[in-house]
PDB file of N, CA and C in Angstrom:
ATOM      1  N   MET A   1      -8.209  22.153  18.372  1.00  0.00           N
ATOM      2  CA  MET A   1      -8.182  22.266  17.472  1.00  0.00           C
ATOM      3  C   MET A   1      -8.315  20.929  16.282  1.00  0.00           C
ATOM      4  N   SER A   2      -9.515  20.842  15.544  1.00  0.00           N
ATOM      5  CA  SER A   2      -9.479  19.622  14.810  1.00  0.00           C
ATOM      6  C   SER A   2      -8.873  19.944  13.352  1.00  0.00           C
ATOM      7  N   GLU A   3      -8.318  18.602  12.725  1.00  0.00           N
ATOM      8  CA  GLU A   3      -7.393  18.450  11.797  1.00  0.00           C
ATOM      9  C   GLU A   3      -8.311  17.742  10.654  1.00  0.00           C
ATOM     10  N   GLN A   4      -8.525  18.639   9.601  1.00  0.00           N
ATOM     11  CA  GLN A   4      -9.331  17.986   8.620  1.00  0.00           C
ATOM     12  C   GLN A   4      -8.336  17.547   7.483  1.00  0.00           C
ATOM     13  N   GLN A   5      -9.384  16.121   6.937  1.00  0.00           N
ATOM     14  CA  GLN A   5      -8.111  15.174   6.069  1.00  0.00           C
ATOM     15  C   GLN A   5      -9.033  15.133   4.778  1.00  0.00           C
ATOM     16  N   ASN A   6      -8.181  15.467   3.595  1.00  0.00           N
ATOM     17  CA  ASN A   6      -8.826  15.572   2.422  1.00  0.00           C
ATOM     18  C   ASN A   6      -8.458  14.245   2.046  1.00  0.00           C
ATOM     19  N   TYR A   7      -9.324  13.583   1.175  1.00  0.00           N
ATOM     20  CA  TYR A   7      -8.909  12.390   0.527  1.00  0.00           C
ATOM     21  C   TYR A   7      -9.426  12.753  -1.108  1.00  0.00           C
ATOM     22  N   GLU A   8      -8.938  11.695  -1.858  1.00  0.00           N
ATOM     23  CA  GLU A   8      -9.252  12.018  -3.285  1.00  0.00           C
ATOM     24  C   GLU A   8      -9.853  10.620  -3.672  1.00  0.00           C
ATOM     25  N   VAL A   9     -10.871  10.484  -4.606  1.00  0.00           N
ATOM     26  CA  VAL A   9     -11.070   8.991  -4.814  1.00  0.00           C
ATOM     27  C   VAL A   9     -11.261   8.708  -6.188  1.00  0.00           C
ATOM     28  N   CYS A  10     -10.911   8.321  -6.906  1.00  0.00           N
ATOM     29  CA  CYS A  10     -10.831   7.698  -8.625  1.00  0.00           C
ATOM     30  C   CYS A  10     -11.484   6.542  -8.733  1.00  0.00           C
ATOM     31  N   PHE A  11     -12.535   6.803  -9.573  1.00  0.00           N
ATOM     32  CA  PHE A  11     -13.411   5.424 -10.062  1.00  0.00           C
ATOM     33  C   PHE A  11     -12.750   5.371 -11.722  1.00  0.00           C
ATOM     34  N   ILE A  12     -12.583   4.021 -11.861  1.00  0.00           N
ATOM     35  CA  ILE A  12     -11.856   3.840 -12.956  1.00  0.00           C
ATOM     36  C   ILE A  12     -12.614   2.735 -13.772  1.00  0.00           C
ATOM     37  N   PRO A  13     -13.257   3.269 -15.125  1.00  0.00           N
ATOM     38  CA  PRO A  13     -14.139   1.772 -15.399  1.00  0.00           C
ATOM     39  C   PRO A  13     -13.446   1.225 -16.199  1.00  0.00           C
ATOM     40  N   ARG A  14     -14.054  -0.321 -16.119  1.00  0.00           N
ATOM     41  CA  ARG A  14     -13.380  -1.133 -17.104  1.00  0.00           C
ATOM     42  C   ARG A  14     -14.119  -1.544 -18.205  1.00  0.00           C
ATOM     43  N   SER A  15     -13.706  -1.783 -19.235  1.00  0.00           N
ATOM     44  CA  SER A  15     -14.046  -2.459 -20.264  1.00  0.00           C
ATOM     45  C   SER A  15     -14.802  -3.624 -19.892  1.00  0.00           C
ATOM     46  N   GLN A  16     -14.604  -4.580 -19.506  1.00  0.00           N
ATOM     47  CA  GLN A  16     -15.110  -5.967 -18.899  1.00  0.00           C
ATOM     48  C   GLN A  16     -15.780  -6.218 -17.592  1.00  0.00           C
ATOM     49  N   LEU A  17     -16.595  -6.185 -17.694  1.00  0.00           N
ATOM     50  CA  LEU A  17     -16.991  -6.468 -16.015  1.00  0.00           C
ATOM     51  C   LEU A  17     -17.799  -7.523 -15.624  1.00  0.00           C
ATOM     52  N   ASP A  18     -16.896  -8.716 -14.972  1.00  0.00           N
ATOM     53  CA  ASP A  18     -17.598  -9.531 -14.248  1.00  0.00           C
ATOM     54  C   ASP A  18     -18.503  -9.448 -13.200  1.00  0.00           C
ATOM     55  N   GLU A  19     -19.752  -9.629 -13.394  1.00  0.00           N
ATOM     56  CA  GLU A  19     -20.845  -9.278 -12.644  1.00  0.00           C
ATOM     57  C   GLU A  19     -21.397 -10.237 -11.445  1.00  0.00           C
ATOM     58  N   GLN A  20     -20.543 -11.530 -11.925  1.00  0.00           N
ATOM     59  CA  GLN A  20     -20.499 -12.711 -11.091  1.00  0.00           C
ATOM     60  C   GLN A  20     -19.355 -12.483 -10.111  1.00  0.00           C
ATOM     61  N   LYS A  21     -18.532 -11.918  -9.941  1.00  0.00           N
ATOM     62  CA  LYS A  21     -17.449 -11.947  -9.335  1.00  0.00           C
ATOM     63  C   LYS A  21     -16.690 -10.747  -8.848  1.00  0.00           C
ATOM     64  N   VAL A  22     -16.454 -10.228  -7.617  1.00  0.00           N
ATOM     65  CA  VAL A  22     -16.208  -9.153  -7.038  1.00  0.00           C
ATOM     66  C   VAL A  22     -14.848  -9.684  -6.256  1.00  0.00           C
ATOM     67  N   SER A  23     -13.881  -8.713  -6.419  1.00  0.00           N
ATOM     68  CA  SER A  23     -12.512  -9.371  -5.943  1.00  0.00           C
ATOM     69  C   SER A  23     -12.431  -8.841  -4.262  1.00  0.00           C
ATOM     70  N   GLU A  24     -11.544  -9.108  -3.576  1.00  0.00           N
ATOM     71  CA  GLU A  24     -11.343  -8.947  -2.319  1.00  0.00           C
ATOM     72  C   GLU A  24     -11.324  -7.222  -1.989  1.00  0.00           C
ATOM     73  N   SER A  25     -10.401  -6.578  -2.787  1.00  0.00           N
ATOM     74  CA  SER A  25      -9.924  -5.203  -2.937  1.00  0.00           C
ATOM     75  C   SER A  25     -11.425  -4.499  -3.351  1.00  0.00           C
ATOM     76  N   GLU A  26     -12.148  -4.692  -4.240  1.00  0.00           N
ATOM     77  CA  GLU A  26     -13.036  -3.945  -4.542  1.00  0.00           C
ATOM     78  C   GLU A  26     -14.372  -4.184  -3.156  1.00  0.00           C
ATOM     79  N   LEU A  27     -14.349  -5.149  -2.531  1.00  0.00           N
ATOM     80  CA  LEU A  27     -15.079  -5.086  -1.488  1.00  0.00           C
ATOM     81  C   LEU A  27     -14.481  -4.788  -0.171  1.00  0.00           C
ATOM     82  N   ARG A  28     -13.077  -4.235  -0.199  1.00  0.00           N
ATOM     83  CA  ARG A  28     -12.915  -3.534   0.770  1.00  0.00           C
ATOM     84  C   ARG A  28     -13.327  -2.173   0.814  1.00  0.00           C
ATOM     85  N   LEU A  29     -13.070  -1.701  -0.302  1.00  0.00           N
ATOM     86  CA  LEU A  29     -13.434  -0.366  -1.126  1.00  0.00           C
ATOM     87  C   LEU A  29     -14.582   0.191  -0.685  1.00  0.00           C
ATOM     88  N   LEU A  30     -15.629  -0.739  -1.147  1.00  0.00           N
ATOM     89  CA  LEU A  30     -16.974  -0.592  -0.810  1.00  0.00           C
ATOM     90  C   LEU A  30     -17.377  -0.973   0.558  1.00  0.00           C
ATOM     91  N   SER A  31     -16.857  -1.601   1.239  1.00  0.00           N
ATOM     92  CA  SER A  31     -17.216  -1.425   2.802  1.00  0.00           C
ATOM     93  C   SER A  31     -16.812  -0.038   3.187  1.00  0.00           C
ATOM     94  N   LEU A  32     -15.569   0.534   2.748  1.00  0.00           N
ATOM     95  CA  LEU A  32     -14.610   1.621   3.544  1.00  0.00           C
ATOM     96  C   LEU A  32     -15.514   2.732   3.180  1.00  0.00           C
ATOM     97  N   PHE A  33     -16.065   2.838   1.860  1.00  0.00           N
ATOM     98  CA  PHE A  33     -16.506   4.034   1.254  1.00  0.00           C
ATOM     99  C   PHE A  33     -18.075   4.304   1.051  1.00  0.00           C
ATOM    100  N   PHE A  34     -18.486   2.966   0.722  1.00  0.00           N
ATOM    101  CA  PHE A  34     -20.056   2.779   0.708  1.00  0.00           C
ATOM    102  C   PHE A  34     -20.757   1.601   1.440  1.00  0.00           C
ATOM    103  N   PRO A  35     -20.644   2.020   3.008  1.00  0.00           N
ATOM    104  CA  PRO A  35     -21.294   0.708   3.926  1.00  0.00           C
ATOM    105  C   PRO A  35     -22.541   0.376   3.515  1.00  0.00           C
ATOM    106  N   GLU A  36     -23.273   1.373   3.468  1.00  0.00           N
ATOM    107  CA  GLU A  36     -24.979   1.067   2.956  1.00  0.00           C
ATOM    108  C   GLU A  36     -25.121   0.332   1.988  1.00  0.00           C
ATOM    109  N   ILE A  37     -24.216   0.517   0.650  1.00  0.00           N
ATOM    110  CA  ILE A  37     -24.216  -0.289  -0.506  1.00  0.00           C
ATOM    111  C   ILE A  37     -23.689  -1.853  -0.386  1.00  0.00           C
ATOM    112  N   LEU A  38     -23.004  -1.985   0.344  1.00  0.00           N
ATOM    113  CA  LEU A  38     -22.333  -3.145   0.701  1.00  0.00           C
ATOM    114  C   LEU A  38     -23.598  -3.454   1.277  1.00  0.00           C
ATOM    115  N   LYS A  39     -24.052  -3.428   2.680  1.00  0.00           N
ATOM    116  CA  LYS A  39     -25.026  -4.349   3.214  1.00  0.00           C
ATOM    117  C   LYS A  39     -26.113  -4.279   2.241  1.00  0.00           C
ATOM    118  N   GLU A  40     -26.426  -3.865   1.461  1.00  0.00           N
ATOM    119  CA  GLU A  40     -27.728  -3.687   0.342  1.00  0.00           C
ATOM    120  C   GLU A  40     -27.691  -4.913  -0.302  1.00  0.00           C
ATOM    121  N   MET A  41     -26.102  -4.935  -1.123  1.00  0.00           N
ATOM    122  CA  MET A  41     -25.655  -5.748  -1.472  1.00  0.00           C
ATOM    123  C   MET A  41     -25.622  -7.290  -0.945  1.00  0.00           C
ATOM    124  N   MET A  42     -25.451  -7.549   0.047  1.00  0.00           N
ATOM    125  CA  MET A  42     -25.093  -8.685   0.746  1.00  0.00           C
ATOM    126  C   MET A  42     -26.687  -8.968   1.075  1.00  0.00           C
ATOM    127  N   ILE A  43     -27.607  -8.189   1.608  1.00  0.00           N
ATOM    128  CA  ILE A  43     -29.174  -8.669   1.612  1.00  0.00           C
ATOM    129  C   ILE A  43     -29.696  -9.386   0.304  1.00  0.00           C
ATOM    130  N   GLN A  44     -29.164  -8.685  -0.838  1.00  0.00           N
ATOM    131  CA  GLN A  44     -29.893  -9.249  -2.276  1.00  0.00           C
ATOM    132  C   GLN A  44     -29.065 -10.548  -2.499  1.00  0.00           C
ATOM    133  N   VAL A  45     -28.163 -10.633  -2.108  1.00  0.00           N
ATOM    134  CA  VAL A  45     -27.401 -11.909  -2.610  1.00  0.00           C
ATOM    135  C   VAL A  45     -27.701 -13.047  -1.386  1.00  0.00           C
ATOM    136  N   GLU A  46     -28.307 -12.518  -0.343  1.00  0.00           N
ATOM    137  CA  GLU A  46     -28.975 -13.572   0.485  1.00  0.00           C
ATOM    138  C   GLU A  46     -30.287 -13.891   0.035  1.00  0.00           C
ATOM    139  N   LYS A  47     -30.823 -13.033  -0.520  1.00  0.00           N
ATOM    140  CA  LYS A  47     -32.500 -12.960  -0.703  1.00  0.00           C
ATOM    141  C   LYS A  47     -32.195 -14.320  -2.308  1.00  0.00           C
ATOM    142  N   ALA A  48     -31.229 -13.838  -3.025  1.00  0.00           N
ATOM    143  CA  ALA A  48     -30.904 -14.689  -4.493  1.00  0.00           C
ATOM    144  C   ALA A  48     -30.767 -16.144  -3.842  1.00  0.00           C
ATOM    145  N   LYS A  49     -29.810 -16.562  -2.832  1.00  0.00           N
ATOM    146  CA  LYS A  49     -29.551 -17.821  -2.547  1.00  0.00           C
ATOM    147  C   LYS A  49     -30.856 -18.519  -2.016  1.00  0.00           C
ATOM    148  N   GLU A  50     -31.739 -18.011  -1.466  1.00  0.00           N
ATOM    149  CA  GLU A  50     -33.170 -18.668  -0.975  1.00  0.00           C
ATOM    150  C   GLU A  50     -34.183 -19.340  -2.165  1.00  0.00           C
TER     151      GLU A  50
END
């Protein structure tokens, strides 16, 4: 018998967003829930550095 786990995710909008800085906890959440988005972000960062 398989056990199904339910998770609840809550996004909290912030009034001020610093687009130049992402905290470690934000990166950790992105990598857990949205690995493809994080991978694309890293590609964009590398392109911007070139």
